């Protein structure tokens, strides 16, 4: 894996874990990265499940790419 590929993969893993943390932890840092705040017209606690699903998918794919 080249250095740029490795850097992007590690950033993808970090972003995935940040989305997962945004589901469980509510503060200013995790609120900045929430996908439901970007795409849902009226985000609420009920829409935070989007972040958990997307975080697992993003982190999982990047971990898979790291070890492939």
C-alpha atoms as a PDB file:
ATOM      1  CA  UNK A   1       0.000   0.000   0.000  1.00  0.00           C
ATOM      2  CA  UNK A   2       1.416   3.371  -0.980  1.00  0.00           C
ATOM      3  CA  UNK A   3       1.727   6.209   1.483  1.00  0.00           C
ATOM      4  CA  UNK A   4      -1.294   8.181   0.137  1.00  0.00           C
ATOM      5  CA  UNK A   5      -3.433   5.068   0.104  1.00  0.00           C
ATOM      6  CA  UNK A   6      -2.418   4.292   3.662  1.00  0.00           C
ATOM      7  CA  UNK A   7      -3.116   7.856   4.806  1.00  0.00           C
ATOM      8  CA  UNK A   8      -6.585   7.901   3.204  1.00  0.00           C
ATOM      9  CA  UNK A   9      -7.404   4.485   4.613  1.00  0.00           C
ATOM     10  CA  UNK A  10      -6.404   5.552   8.124  1.00  0.00           C
ATOM     11  CA  UNK A  11      -8.433   8.761   7.765  1.00  0.00           C
ATOM     12  CA  UNK A  12     -11.407   6.700   6.613  1.00  0.00           C
ATOM     13  CA  UNK A  13     -11.090   4.453   9.654  1.00  0.00           C
ATOM     14  CA  UNK A  14     -10.877   7.487  11.939  1.00  0.00           C
ATOM     15  CA  UNK A  15     -13.942   9.077  10.291  1.00  0.00           C
ATOM     16  CA  UNK A  16     -15.896   5.841  10.593  1.00  0.00           C
ATOM     17  CA  UNK A  17     -15.121   5.645  14.296  1.00  0.00           C
ATOM     18  CA  UNK A  18     -16.045   9.325  14.663  1.00  0.00           C
ATOM     19  CA  UNK A  19     -19.455   8.583  13.122  1.00  0.00           C
ATOM     20  CA  UNK A  20     -19.918   5.630  15.461  1.00  0.00           C
ATOM     21  CA  UNK A  21     -18.946   7.832  18.407  1.00  0.00           C
ATOM     22  CA  UNK A  22     -21.458  10.424  17.208  1.00  0.00           C
ATOM     23  CA  UNK A  23     -24.197   7.886  17.777  1.00  0.00           C
ATOM     24  CA  UNK A  24     -23.210   7.281  21.406  1.00  0.00           C
ATOM     25  CA  UNK A  25     -21.550  10.546  22.459  1.00  0.00           C
ATOM     26  CA  UNK A  26     -23.118  13.961  21.913  1.00  0.00           C
ATOM     27  CA  UNK A  27     -20.730  16.908  21.972  1.00  0.00           C
ATOM     28  CA  UNK A  28     -19.534  19.646  19.624  1.00  0.00           C
ATOM     29  CA  UNK A  29     -16.787  17.544  18.049  1.00  0.00           C
ATOM     30  CA  UNK A  30     -18.982  14.600  17.125  1.00  0.00           C
ATOM     31  CA  UNK A  31     -21.852  16.860  16.031  1.00  0.00           C
ATOM     32  CA  UNK A  32     -19.636  18.421  13.355  1.00  0.00           C
ATOM     33  CA  UNK A  33     -19.172  15.059  11.624  1.00  0.00           C
ATOM     34  CA  UNK A  34     -22.732  13.719  11.806  1.00  0.00           C
ATOM     35  CA  UNK A  35     -24.162  12.763   8.426  1.00  0.00           C
ATOM     36  CA  UNK A  36     -27.771  13.220   9.459  1.00  0.00           C
ATOM     37  CA  UNK A  37     -27.108  16.899  10.178  1.00  0.00           C
ATOM     38  CA  UNK A  38     -25.822  17.278   6.620  1.00  0.00           C
ATOM     39  CA  UNK A  39     -28.533  15.410   4.717  1.00  0.00           C
ATOM     40  CA  UNK A  40     -31.705  15.280   6.834  1.00  0.00           C
ATOM     41  CA  UNK A  41     -33.814  18.472   6.852  1.00  0.00           C
ATOM     42  CA  UNK A  42     -34.678  18.275  10.579  1.00  0.00           C
ATOM     43  CA  UNK A  43     -32.111  16.089  12.366  1.00  0.00           C
ATOM     44  CA  UNK A  44     -33.096  14.697  15.734  1.00  0.00           C
ATOM     45  CA  UNK A  45     -32.133  11.883  18.066  1.00  0.00           C
ATOM     46  CA  UNK A  46     -34.192   9.501  15.920  1.00  0.00           C
ATOM     47  CA  UNK A  47     -32.003  10.175  12.865  1.00  0.00           C
ATOM     48  CA  UNK A  48     -28.671   9.437  14.578  1.00  0.00           C
ATOM     49  CA  UNK A  49     -28.960   5.782  13.539  1.00  0.00           C
ATOM     50  CA  UNK A  50     -27.763   6.855  10.099  1.00  0.00           C
ATOM     51  CA  UNK A  51     -24.391   7.692  11.630  1.00  0.00           C
ATOM     52  CA  UNK A  52     -24.035   4.280  13.257  1.00  0.00           C
ATOM     53  CA  UNK A  53     -24.793   2.389  10.055  1.00  0.00           C
ATOM     54  CA  UNK A  54     -22.582   4.640   7.911  1.00  0.00           C
ATOM     55  CA  UNK A  55     -19.773   4.570  10.484  1.00  0.00           C
ATOM     56  CA  UNK A  56     -19.736   0.777  10.599  1.00  0.00           C
ATOM     57  CA  UNK A  57     -19.768   0.613   6.789  1.00  0.00           C
ATOM     58  CA  UNK A  58     -17.010   3.204   6.325  1.00  0.00           C
ATOM     59  CA  UNK A  59     -14.743   1.898   9.078  1.00  0.00           C
ATOM     60  CA  UNK A  60     -15.341  -1.712   8.047  1.00  0.00           C
ATOM     61  CA  UNK A  61     -14.532  -1.103   4.411  1.00  0.00           C
ATOM     62  CA  UNK A  62     -11.358   0.780   5.257  1.00  0.00           C
ATOM     63  CA  UNK A  63     -10.205  -1.880   7.716  1.00  0.00           C
ATOM     64  CA  UNK A  64     -10.869  -4.481   5.030  1.00  0.00           C
ATOM     65  CA  UNK A  65      -8.853  -2.397   2.529  1.00  0.00           C
ATOM     66  CA  UNK A  66      -6.007  -2.075   5.017  1.00  0.00           C
ATOM     67  CA  UNK A  67      -5.587  -5.839   5.424  1.00  0.00           C
ATOM     68  CA  UNK A  68      -6.433  -6.888   1.874  1.00  0.00           C
END
